[in-house]
Amino acid sequence: MAAWFTLMRHRWCDSRDTRRRIPDDMAERLSARIGASEARHTGQVRICVEAALPTDLLWRQGPRCTLAPLVRERALFWFGQLGVWDTEHNNGVLIYLLLAEQAIEFVADRALARHVPPEQWQAAVDHLCLHLQAGDFETGLTQALGEVSALLVAHFPAQAGQPSANELPNTIVRV
């Protein structure tokens, strides 16, 4: 029975839900913040907000499986799809939200992952989660972006006098 409710929850959510949670004006402000962040370091940051998992992915979970591995798998899919793994310094970060499950994943490329322990990523997830539960998506994503930026500045600061290359679009992905 729980699998049926999960399936229905994901079938009811669609891209209109992502646009309600992240309207165009908020997406533009967040994109500008990503640009400002990337001027301070050599990393690349993407934000992806997905309404629900595809049905075929949900069928694979089976009735007794938890969704956490599927959410991580989906975040890794978007990490690859958006090219976050393919940056010059291997220090890209994806902030992924799955609305149907109220799930959050941060995926860091290998160069940054070597410097940041899982507990630090979990703390950033926890901070974002508090804002999302209160319905304050913009403050939560802004704070998450600030935390990611601080990590990138600490480990991969921009070189003085040299503009950082913008390798990936700063737009918010809403699917």
Protein backbone atom coordinates (compact mmCIF):
# COMPACT_ATOMS: atom_id res chain seq x y z
CA MET A 1 0.00 0.00 0.00
CA ALA A 2 2.85 2.42 0.80
CA ALA A 3 4.32 1.88 -2.69
CA TRP A 4 0.96 2.87 -4.21
CA PHE A 5 0.91 6.13 -2.22
CA THR A 6 4.47 6.87 -3.29
CA LEU A 7 3.61 6.26 -6.92
CA MET A 8 0.54 8.50 -6.71
CA ARG A 9 2.47 11.28 -4.95
CA HIS A 10 4.95 11.28 -7.81
CA ARG A 11 2.26 11.11 -10.48
CA TRP A 12 0.47 14.14 -8.98
CA CYS A 13 3.56 16.35 -9.02
CA ASP A 14 4.72 17.95 -12.27
CA SER A 15 6.70 20.89 -13.61
CA ARG A 16 3.91 23.29 -12.59
CA ASP A 17 4.79 22.45 -8.98
CA THR A 18 8.43 23.42 -9.54
CA ARG A 19 7.34 26.73 -11.10
CA ARG A 20 5.03 27.43 -8.15
CA ARG A 21 7.84 26.76 -5.66
CA ILE A 22 10.50 28.51 -7.76
CA PRO A 23 8.71 31.20 -9.80
CA ASP A 24 10.52 32.95 -12.64
CA ASP A 25 11.52 36.02 -10.61
CA MET A 26 13.02 33.85 -7.85
CA ALA A 27 14.83 31.73 -10.44
CA GLU A 28 16.35 34.90 -11.91
CA ARG A 29 17.52 36.11 -8.50
CA LEU A 30 19.05 32.71 -7.70
CA SER A 31 20.78 32.64 -11.10
CA ALA A 32 22.28 36.06 -10.39
CA ARG A 33 23.49 34.81 -6.99
CA ILE A 34 25.14 31.82 -8.68
CA GLY A 35 26.94 34.21 -11.03
CA ALA A 36 28.11 36.37 -8.14
CA SER A 37 29.25 33.28 -6.27
CA GLU A 38 31.21 31.91 -9.22
CA ALA A 39 33.11 35.21 -9.55
CA ARG A 40 34.73 34.38 -6.19
CA HIS A 41 35.98 30.86 -6.95
CA THR A 42 36.82 28.51 -9.81
CA GLY A 43 33.94 26.11 -9.16
CA GLN A 44 30.62 25.79 -10.94
CA VAL A 45 27.26 25.52 -9.16
CA ARG A 46 23.96 24.27 -10.55
CA ILE A 47 20.56 24.06 -8.87
CA CYS A 48 18.03 21.50 -10.09
CA VAL A 49 14.48 21.29 -8.72
CA GLU A 50 12.54 18.26 -9.91
CA ALA A 51 8.88 17.70 -9.16
CA ALA A 52 8.85 13.90 -9.15
CA LEU A 53 10.76 10.81 -10.13
CA PRO A 54 9.91 9.18 -13.45
CA THR A 55 7.46 6.30 -13.12
CA ASP A 56 9.88 3.72 -14.54
CA LEU A 57 12.40 4.61 -11.85
CA LEU A 58 9.75 4.19 -9.15
CA TRP A 59 8.79 0.75 -10.45
CA ARG A 60 12.38 -0.38 -9.95
CA GLN A 61 12.28 0.43 -6.25
CA GLY A 62 9.92 -2.41 -5.33
CA PRO A 63 7.43 -2.25 -2.48
CA ARG A 64 9.91 -2.61 0.39
CA CYS A 65 12.78 -0.45 -0.84
CA THR A 66 13.39 3.02 0.53
CA LEU A 67 13.57 5.88 -1.92
CA ALA A 68 16.85 7.36 -0.64
CA PRO A 69 19.04 5.39 -3.09
CA LEU A 70 16.77 6.37 -5.99
CA VAL A 71 16.89 10.03 -5.01
CA ARG A 72 20.71 9.87 -4.91
CA GLU A 73 20.74 8.06 -8.25
CA ARG A 74 18.52 10.74 -9.76
CA ALA A 75 20.74 13.51 -8.40
CA LEU A 76 23.73 11.77 -9.96
CA PHE A 77 21.80 11.54 -13.23
CA TRP A 78 21.26 15.31 -13.25
CA PHE A 79 24.87 15.89 -12.18
CA GLY A 80 25.94 14.12 -15.36
CA GLN A 81 23.15 15.43 -17.58
CA LEU A 82 23.94 19.04 -16.70
CA GLY A 83 27.70 18.54 -17.18
CA VAL A 84 28.59 19.43 -13.60
CA TRP A 85 31.10 16.56 -13.56
CA ASP A 86 32.91 17.94 -16.61
CA THR A 87 34.37 21.22 -15.38
CA GLU A 88 38.01 22.18 -15.82
CA HIS A 89 38.91 21.89 -12.13
CA ASN A 90 36.50 19.02 -11.28
CA ASN A 91 34.96 21.16 -8.56
CA GLY A 92 31.34 21.54 -9.62
CA VAL A 93 28.42 21.17 -7.21
CA LEU A 94 24.81 20.26 -7.86
CA ILE A 95 22.11 21.23 -5.36
CA TYR A 96 19.21 18.88 -6.12
CA LEU A 97 15.67 19.07 -4.70
CA LEU A 98 13.00 16.44 -5.28
CA LEU A 99 9.67 18.01 -4.35
CA ALA A 100 7.53 14.86 -4.20
CA GLU A 101 9.75 13.41 -1.47
CA GLN A 102 10.95 16.69 0.01
CA ALA A 103 14.42 15.27 -0.55
CA ILE A 104 17.69 17.16 -0.93
CA GLU A 105 21.00 15.98 -2.34
CA PHE A 106 24.26 17.84 -2.76
CA VAL A 107 26.57 16.24 -5.31
CA ALA A 108 30.14 17.51 -5.40
CA ASP A 109 32.68 16.63 -8.05
CA ARG A 110 35.78 14.71 -7.04
CA ALA A 111 38.19 17.61 -6.43
CA LEU A 112 35.87 19.32 -3.96
CA ALA A 113 34.64 16.04 -2.46
CA ARG A 114 38.22 15.28 -1.38
CA HIS A 115 38.23 18.41 0.79
CA VAL A 116 34.77 18.36 2.32
CA PRO A 117 33.67 15.58 4.71
CA PRO A 118 30.16 14.12 4.42
CA GLU A 119 29.17 15.67 7.76
CA GLN A 120 29.71 19.14 6.35
CA TRP A 121 27.49 18.37 3.36
CA GLN A 122 24.86 16.94 5.69
CA ALA A 123 24.88 20.13 7.76
CA ALA A 124 24.19 22.16 4.60
CA VAL A 125 21.35 19.77 3.69
CA ASP A 126 19.89 20.12 7.19
CA HIS A 127 19.97 23.94 7.00
CA LEU A 128 18.25 23.90 3.62
CA CYS A 129 15.69 21.39 4.85
CA LEU A 130 14.59 23.66 7.70
CA HIS A 131 13.81 26.48 5.27
CA LEU A 132 12.06 24.20 2.79
CA GLN A 133 9.84 22.73 5.50
CA ALA A 134 8.81 26.29 6.37
CA GLY A 135 8.04 26.92 2.69
CA ASP A 136 10.86 29.47 2.32
CA PHE A 137 12.58 28.12 -0.77
CA GLU A 138 14.41 31.30 -1.70
CA THR A 139 16.03 31.82 1.69
CA GLY A 140 16.92 28.13 1.92
CA LEU A 141 18.48 27.98 -1.54
CA THR A 142 20.27 31.28 -1.00
CA GLN A 143 21.76 29.98 2.25
CA ALA A 144 22.70 26.66 0.62
CA LEU A 145 24.37 28.53 -2.21
CA GLY A 146 26.23 30.63 0.36
CA GLU A 147 27.48 27.53 2.16
CA VAL A 148 28.60 25.90 -1.09
CA SER A 149 30.26 29.15 -2.17
CA ALA A 150 32.17 29.38 1.12
CA LEU A 151 33.52 25.86 0.60
CA LEU A 152 34.54 26.64 -2.97
CA VAL A 153 36.20 29.92 -1.98
CA ALA A 154 38.09 28.15 0.82
CA HIS A 155 39.40 25.38 -1.43
CA PHE A 156 39.32 26.88 -4.94
CA PRO A 157 39.49 30.69 -4.72
CA ALA A 158 39.48 32.80 -7.85
CA GLN A 159 42.90 34.02 -8.88
CA ALA A 160 43.44 37.74 -8.22
CA GLY A 161 42.98 39.81 -11.34
CA GLN A 162 41.72 36.89 -13.42
CA PRO A 163 38.01 36.50 -14.08
CA SER A 164 36.68 33.01 -13.42
CA ALA A 165 35.41 31.18 -16.48
CA ASN A 166 31.70 30.51 -16.46
CA GLU A 167 31.69 26.96 -17.82
CA LEU A 168 28.04 26.13 -17.12
CA PRO A 169 24.80 28.10 -17.33
CA ASN A 170 23.69 29.71 -14.09
CA THR A 171 20.01 29.09 -14.78
CA ILE A 172 17.92 27.10 -12.34
CA VAL A 173 16.74 23.80 -13.80
CA ARG A 174 13.05 23.23 -13.03
CA VAL A 175 11.57 19.93 -14.23
